[in-house]
């Protein structure tokens, strides 16, 4: 397989090779928007992300650590990253990138991270322990956005996972649903587990009114579904509503329900979480919880800026409220 060249990236992005070189080399004379565009395209084309520069020796620089897989998710993560970058810029801070491949963590990559020097670290979701250990050893302000696992040595910016799933379940109960399932993967991430816990708590509160069905699948392959498990649950239980761990799972559930010659929401109501664009353009439009991506980015950047300015490191958990968007995929039971 041929190596991706700067010329290829420049052609795809419709910019000069020199601009690509400056963006990937961590130079300051590149706009945040252009740098993000070039890094995303370079990652997409298979550019060796270990070549990305991340060694600024200045407390005015913040290192954003992300896997290339996260950068691919433009709908979900890019609005947050863009908001972080622009807010840091308004606070006279420069954001640099440290991008890694989840299946290629080696000593050279870890040494590069160890040799980096900056004022703070921002980690996007998934972080191998080897990378997290290096970051913690730096003893700098560190934020993890939507942590995949719990980190006591970093401030965690989380979504209102538990509360939102509770409210989704409560909404379905108030619409007359009795047999309500949760569809997701507890082991996939802290967020998924917390959403399941919120669902279970609501079902326990309303145990005289509703019956729980937890459909928990293994998501190691990251395909966000187990159709056989869902089909078995739907064929053997009188389920009329499903609370899903995220929108992708909800959209996969709707496909499975359609294949069973059932309709959403006439036969089964479905609620997701994340508010990805696809959910608004499917039929029926998906009811979900909105993650306020721009606001999250702003709050993360402000927290980092204040931590650098005050020279204080205080670890905590910050929960961002996610509001319910009711569309067409859930409805009241007609008696």
Protein backbone atom coordinates (compact mmCIF):
# COMPACT_ATOMS: atom_id res chain seq x y z
CA UNK A 1 0.00 0.00 0.00
CA UNK A 2 1.44 3.35 -1.07
CA UNK A 3 2.05 6.03 1.52
CA UNK A 4 -0.28 9.00 1.47
CA UNK A 5 1.57 12.09 0.27
CA UNK A 6 1.12 15.76 1.06
CA UNK A 7 0.28 16.30 -2.62
CA UNK A 8 -2.65 13.86 -2.38
CA UNK A 9 -4.02 15.58 0.71
CA UNK A 10 -3.62 19.01 -0.90
CA UNK A 11 -5.49 17.86 -4.00
CA UNK A 12 -8.37 16.42 -1.97
CA UNK A 13 -8.65 19.57 0.16
CA UNK A 14 -8.15 21.95 -2.77
CA UNK A 15 -5.27 23.74 -1.02
CA UNK A 16 -1.53 24.04 -1.57
CA UNK A 17 1.01 21.45 -0.48
CA UNK A 18 2.67 24.14 1.64
CA UNK A 19 -0.57 24.77 3.54
CA UNK A 20 -0.96 21.04 4.18
CA UNK A 21 2.61 20.91 5.46
CA UNK A 22 2.02 23.82 7.83
CA UNK A 23 -1.27 22.36 9.10
CA UNK A 24 0.16 18.91 9.76
CA UNK A 25 3.37 20.42 11.13
CA UNK A 26 1.60 22.33 13.88
CA UNK A 27 2.42 25.79 12.52
CA UNK A 28 0.42 28.74 13.82
CA UNK A 29 -0.35 30.47 10.50
CA UNK A 30 -3.25 28.13 9.64
CA UNK A 31 -6.86 28.78 10.57
CA UNK A 32 -8.54 26.35 12.98
CA UNK A 33 -11.17 25.41 10.39
CA UNK A 34 -8.59 24.69 7.67
CA UNK A 35 -6.34 22.72 10.03
CA UNK A 36 -9.26 20.53 11.13
CA UNK A 37 -10.30 19.95 7.49
CA UNK A 38 -6.78 18.91 6.49
CA UNK A 39 -6.26 16.63 9.48
CA UNK A 40 -9.59 14.90 8.88
CA UNK A 41 -8.81 14.34 5.22
CA UNK A 42 -5.25 13.16 5.97
CA UNK A 43 -6.60 10.65 8.47
CA UNK A 44 -9.26 9.49 6.01
CA UNK A 45 -6.62 8.91 3.32
CA UNK A 46 -4.49 6.81 5.68
CA UNK A 47 -1.77 9.37 6.39
CA UNK A 48 0.63 8.25 9.12
CA UNK A 49 -0.83 10.14 12.08
CA UNK A 50 2.36 9.64 14.08
CA UNK A 51 3.84 12.36 11.86
CA UNK A 52 1.45 14.99 13.21
CA UNK A 53 3.39 17.51 15.27
CA UNK A 54 2.44 17.79 18.92
CA UNK A 55 5.47 19.09 20.75
CA UNK A 56 4.79 22.75 21.41
CA UNK A 57 6.75 23.89 24.44
CA UNK A 58 4.38 26.50 25.75
CA UNK A 59 1.71 26.75 28.40
CA UNK A 60 -0.43 28.61 25.85
CA UNK A 61 -0.92 25.38 23.90
CA UNK A 62 -3.56 22.75 24.63
CA UNK A 63 -3.16 19.22 23.27
CA UNK A 64 -6.30 17.52 22.00
CA UNK A 65 -5.89 13.74 22.02
CA UNK A 66 -8.15 11.73 19.74
CA UNK A 67 -8.24 8.46 17.83
CA UNK A 68 -8.60 8.73 14.07
CA UNK A 69 -11.93 6.90 14.38
CA UNK A 70 -13.33 9.75 16.43
CA UNK A 71 -12.19 12.30 13.85
CA UNK A 72 -14.14 10.40 11.18
CA UNK A 73 -17.40 11.05 13.03
CA UNK A 74 -17.98 14.53 11.66
CA UNK A 75 -21.66 14.55 12.65
CA UNK A 76 -20.99 13.74 16.31
CA UNK A 77 -17.52 14.90 17.32
CA UNK A 78 -16.44 17.61 14.89
CA UNK A 79 -18.89 20.28 16.15
CA UNK A 80 -17.51 19.73 19.67
CA UNK A 81 -13.88 19.89 18.52
CA UNK A 82 -14.49 22.99 16.41
CA UNK A 83 -16.19 24.72 19.34
CA UNK A 84 -13.30 23.80 21.67
CA UNK A 85 -10.75 25.16 19.21
CA UNK A 86 -12.52 28.46 18.55
CA UNK A 87 -13.23 29.07 22.26
CA UNK A 88 -9.60 28.34 23.18
CA UNK A 89 -8.53 30.78 20.46
CA UNK A 90 -10.70 33.51 21.98
CA UNK A 91 -8.88 32.86 25.25
CA UNK A 92 -5.48 33.21 23.53
CA UNK A 93 -4.82 29.47 23.64
CA UNK A 94 -3.73 27.35 20.68
CA UNK A 95 -5.05 23.82 20.20
CA UNK A 96 -2.74 21.15 18.80
CA UNK A 97 -3.65 17.60 17.76
CA UNK A 98 -2.33 14.24 18.90
CA UNK A 99 -4.06 11.60 16.74
CA UNK A 100 -3.56 7.87 17.22
CA UNK A 101 -4.79 4.60 15.75
CA UNK A 102 -6.53 2.49 18.38
CA UNK A 103 -4.81 -0.70 17.21
CA UNK A 104 -1.35 0.85 16.81
CA UNK A 105 -0.13 2.10 20.20
CA UNK A 106 3.63 1.59 20.31
CA UNK A 107 6.63 2.92 22.25
CA UNK A 108 7.43 5.53 19.59
CA UNK A 109 3.94 7.00 19.85
CA UNK A 110 4.05 7.06 23.65
CA UNK A 111 7.51 8.69 23.58
CA UNK A 112 6.16 11.40 21.31
CA UNK A 113 3.41 12.08 23.83
CA UNK A 114 5.87 12.02 26.74
CA UNK A 115 8.07 14.55 24.96
CA UNK A 116 5.17 16.93 24.36
CA UNK A 117 4.80 19.93 26.61
CA UNK A 118 1.66 22.01 26.88
CA UNK A 119 -0.60 23.74 29.36
CA UNK A 120 -3.42 21.20 29.39
CA UNK A 121 -4.84 18.08 27.76
CA UNK A 122 -8.26 17.36 26.26
CA UNK A 123 -9.13 13.73 25.54
CA UNK A 124 -11.99 12.80 23.25
CA UNK A 125 -13.90 9.77 24.52
CA UNK A 126 -11.75 6.66 24.00
CA UNK A 127 -8.28 6.55 25.55
CA UNK A 128 -6.05 3.48 25.92
CA UNK A 129 -4.62 3.12 29.41
CA UNK A 130 -1.06 3.53 28.14
CA UNK A 131 -1.89 6.98 26.74
CA UNK A 132 -3.88 7.99 29.81
CA UNK A 133 -0.98 6.98 32.08
CA UNK A 134 1.37 9.31 30.19
CA UNK A 135 -1.10 12.20 30.39
CA UNK A 136 -1.69 11.71 34.12
CA UNK A 137 2.06 11.71 34.76
CA UNK A 138 2.23 15.23 33.30
CA UNK A 139 0.20 16.59 36.24
CA UNK A 140 -1.53 19.16 34.02
CA UNK A 141 -5.21 20.13 33.78
CA UNK A 142 -6.87 17.25 31.94
CA UNK A 143 -10.41 16.91 30.60
CA UNK A 144 -12.03 13.79 29.17
CA UNK A 145 -15.12 14.43 27.02
CA UNK A 146 -17.69 11.63 27.25
CA UNK A 147 -15.27 9.20 28.96
CA UNK A 148 -15.44 5.60 27.83
CA UNK A 149 -14.32 4.51 31.31
CA UNK A 150 -13.98 6.27 34.67
CA UNK A 151 -10.87 8.40 35.34
CA UNK A 152 -10.37 9.79 38.83
CA UNK A 153 -7.35 11.87 37.76
CA UNK A 154 -9.19 13.95 35.15
CA UNK A 155 -12.23 16.20 34.95
CA UNK A 156 -14.97 14.36 33.11
CA UNK A 157 -17.47 16.17 30.91
CA UNK A 158 -20.42 13.82 30.63
CA UNK A 159 -23.86 13.96 29.09
CA UNK A 160 -27.02 13.59 31.19
CA UNK A 161 -27.09 9.88 30.38
CA UNK A 162 -28.88 8.57 33.46
CA UNK A 163 -31.43 11.40 33.66
CA UNK A 164 -32.20 11.32 29.94
CA UNK A 165 -32.85 7.57 29.83
CA UNK A 166 -35.02 7.92 32.93
CA UNK A 167 -37.06 10.67 31.25
CA UNK A 168 -37.35 8.70 27.99
CA UNK A 169 -38.70 5.69 29.88
CA UNK A 170 -41.02 7.88 31.93
CA UNK A 171 -42.36 9.48 28.75
CA UNK A 172 -43.21 6.07 27.29
CA UNK A 173 -44.94 4.96 30.49
CA UNK A 174 -47.03 8.13 30.47
CA UNK A 175 -47.96 7.33 26.87
CA UNK A 176 -49.46 4.08 28.12
CA UNK A 177 -46.63 1.64 27.34
CA UNK A 178 -46.26 -1.24 29.76
CA UNK A 179 -43.75 -3.58 28.11
CA UNK A 180 -40.67 -1.44 27.54
CA UNK A 181 -37.21 -2.67 26.51
CA UNK A 182 -33.73 -1.16 26.72
CA UNK A 183 -31.51 -2.00 23.74
CA UNK A 184 -27.78 -1.41 24.11
CA UNK A 185 -24.39 -2.60 25.36
CA UNK A 186 -23.35 -2.07 28.97
CA UNK A 187 -19.71 -2.88 28.29
CA UNK A 188 -19.31 -0.47 25.37
CA UNK A 189 -18.91 2.69 27.43
CA UNK A 190 -19.78 4.47 30.65
CA UNK A 191 -22.44 6.46 28.78
CA UNK A 192 -24.29 3.34 27.61
CA UNK A 193 -24.17 1.80 31.08
CA UNK A 194 -25.51 4.98 32.70
CA UNK A 195 -28.37 5.14 30.19
CA UNK A 196 -29.27 1.55 31.02
CA UNK A 197 -29.17 2.41 34.73
CA UNK A 198 -31.50 5.38 34.17
CA UNK A 199 -33.95 3.14 32.34
CA UNK A 200 -33.82 0.48 35.07
CA UNK A 201 -34.32 3.07 37.79
CA UNK A 202 -37.44 4.42 36.10
CA UNK A 203 -38.81 0.93 35.55
CA UNK A 204 -38.22 0.14 39.22
CA UNK A 205 -40.03 3.33 40.23
CA UNK A 206 -42.97 2.31 38.04
CA UNK A 207 -42.79 -1.44 38.69
CA UNK A 208 -46.53 -1.63 39.29
CA UNK A 209 -47.17 -0.09 35.86
CA UNK A 210 -44.43 -1.39 33.55
CA UNK A 211 -42.38 -4.51 32.79
CA UNK A 212 -38.64 -4.25 31.92
CA UNK A 213 -36.81 -6.12 29.16
CA UNK A 214 -33.07 -5.49 28.96
CA UNK A 215 -31.65 -6.51 25.56
CA UNK A 216 -27.89 -6.19 26.14
CA UNK A 217 -25.51 -7.14 23.32
CA UNK A 218 -21.74 -7.29 22.88
CA UNK A 219 -20.49 -4.31 20.87
CA UNK A 220 -16.83 -5.29 20.45
CA UNK A 221 -17.19 -5.08 16.67
CA UNK A 222 -18.73 -1.61 17.01
CA UNK A 223 -21.68 -2.44 14.77
CA UNK A 224 -24.17 -1.18 17.37
CA UNK A 225 -26.65 -4.03 16.95
CA UNK A 226 -27.44 -7.68 17.51
CA UNK A 227 -30.35 -8.35 15.21
CA UNK A 228 -30.83 -11.97 16.27
CA UNK A 229 -31.05 -10.99 19.93
CA UNK A 230 -33.54 -8.22 19.18
CA UNK A 231 -35.66 -10.42 16.91
CA UNK A 232 -35.80 -13.11 19.60
CA UNK A 233 -36.87 -10.56 22.22
CA UNK A 234 -39.56 -9.04 20.03
CA UNK A 235 -40.93 -12.42 18.92
CA UNK A 236 -41.17 -13.78 22.45
CA UNK A 237 -42.29 -10.74 24.44
CA UNK A 238 -45.15 -8.22 24.05
CA UNK A 239 -42.73 -5.27 23.76
CA UNK A 240 -44.37 -2.04 22.56
CA UNK A 241 -41.51 0.43 23.13
CA UNK A 242 -37.70 0.47 23.07
CA UNK A 243 -35.29 2.92 24.73
CA UNK A 244 -32.01 2.71 22.79
CA UNK A 245 -28.50 3.53 24.03
CA UNK A 246 -27.88 5.85 21.06
CA UNK A 247 -29.34 6.90 17.71
CA UNK A 248 -27.36 4.40 15.63
CA UNK A 249 -28.75 1.57 17.76
CA UNK A 250 -32.23 3.09 17.43
CA UNK A 251 -31.95 3.29 13.63
CA UNK A 252 -30.74 -0.33 13.48
CA UNK A 253 -33.66 -1.32 15.73
CA UNK A 254 -36.11 0.37 13.36
CA UNK A 255 -34.65 -1.59 10.42
CA UNK A 256 -35.10 -4.85 12.36
CA UNK A 257 -38.65 -3.95 13.33
CA UNK A 258 -39.47 -3.22 9.68
CA UNK A 259 -38.06 -6.61 8.64
CA UNK A 260 -40.47 -8.22 11.10
CA UNK A 261 -43.31 -6.51 9.21
CA UNK A 262 -44.04 -4.26 12.16
CA UNK A 263 -44.25 -0.48 12.05
CA UNK A 264 -42.70 2.30 14.10
CA UNK A 265 -44.43 3.81 16.01
CA UNK A 266 -47.76 2.05 15.27
CA UNK A 267 -46.57 -1.28 16.67
CA UNK A 268 -43.39 -0.34 18.54
CA UNK A 269 -42.18 3.08 19.71
CA UNK A 270 -38.44 3.83 19.60
CA UNK A 271 -36.39 6.56 21.32
CA UNK A 272 -32.68 7.18 20.72
CA UNK A 273 -29.94 9.41 22.13
CA UNK A 274 -27.40 11.76 20.44
CA UNK A 275 -29.48 13.65 17.84
CA UNK A 276 -27.33 12.75 14.84
CA UNK A 277 -28.47 14.25 11.53
CA UNK A 278 -29.65 10.93 10.09
CA UNK A 279 -32.35 10.63 12.73
CA UNK A 280 -34.12 13.71 11.45
CA UNK A 281 -34.30 12.50 7.85
CA UNK A 282 -35.50 8.92 8.29
CA UNK A 283 -39.14 7.84 8.28
CA UNK A 284 -40.44 8.11 10.89
CA UNK A 285 -38.25 10.91 12.25
CA UNK A 286 -36.43 9.67 15.34
CA UNK A 287 -37.27 10.95 18.81
CA UNK A 288 -34.01 11.48 20.66
CA UNK A 289 -32.02 13.52 23.17
CA UNK A 290 -29.96 16.39 21.82
CA UNK A 291 -26.30 16.67 22.79
CA UNK A 292 -25.55 20.43 22.78
CA UNK A 293 -22.23 20.05 20.99
CA UNK A 294 -21.29 23.70 20.63
CA UNK A 295 -22.08 24.44 24.27
CA UNK A 296 -20.06 21.41 25.42
CA UNK A 297 -17.06 22.59 23.41
CA UNK A 298 -17.33 26.07 24.89
CA UNK A 299 -17.58 24.77 28.46
CA UNK A 300 -14.63 22.41 28.02
CA UNK A 301 -12.45 25.21 26.62
CA UNK A 302 -13.49 27.68 29.32
CA UNK A 303 -12.71 25.13 32.01
CA UNK A 304 -9.26 24.53 30.54
CA UNK A 305 -8.58 28.25 30.17
CA UNK A 306 -9.54 28.92 33.79
CA UNK A 307 -7.45 25.98 35.03
CA UNK A 308 -4.36 27.22 33.19
CA UNK A 309 -4.91 30.79 34.39
CA UNK A 310 -5.43 29.82 38.04
CA UNK A 311 -2.65 27.19 38.05
CA UNK A 312 -5.06 24.85 39.83
CA UNK A 313 -6.01 21.28 39.05
CA UNK A 314 -9.37 20.27 40.50
CA UNK A 315 -10.85 17.00 39.29
CA UNK A 316 -14.60 16.70 39.06
CA UNK A 317 -17.51 15.45 36.98
CA UNK A 318 -19.48 17.97 34.96
CA UNK A 319 -22.81 16.78 33.56
CA UNK A 320 -24.25 18.55 30.52
CA UNK A 321 -28.03 18.49 30.20
CA UNK A 322 -29.43 16.91 27.03
CA UNK A 323 -32.97 17.98 26.10
CA UNK A 324 -35.60 15.63 24.67
CA UNK A 325 -36.63 16.12 21.04
CA UNK A 326 -39.93 14.36 20.44
CA UNK A 327 -40.50 13.62 16.77
CA UNK A 328 -42.45 10.76 15.19
CA UNK A 329 -40.96 7.46 16.40
CA UNK A 330 -42.91 7.21 19.66
CA UNK A 331 -46.61 7.54 20.30
CA UNK A 332 -49.33 7.04 22.85
CA UNK A 333 -50.87 3.60 23.17
CA UNK A 334 -54.41 3.70 21.85
CA UNK A 335 -56.73 1.74 24.15
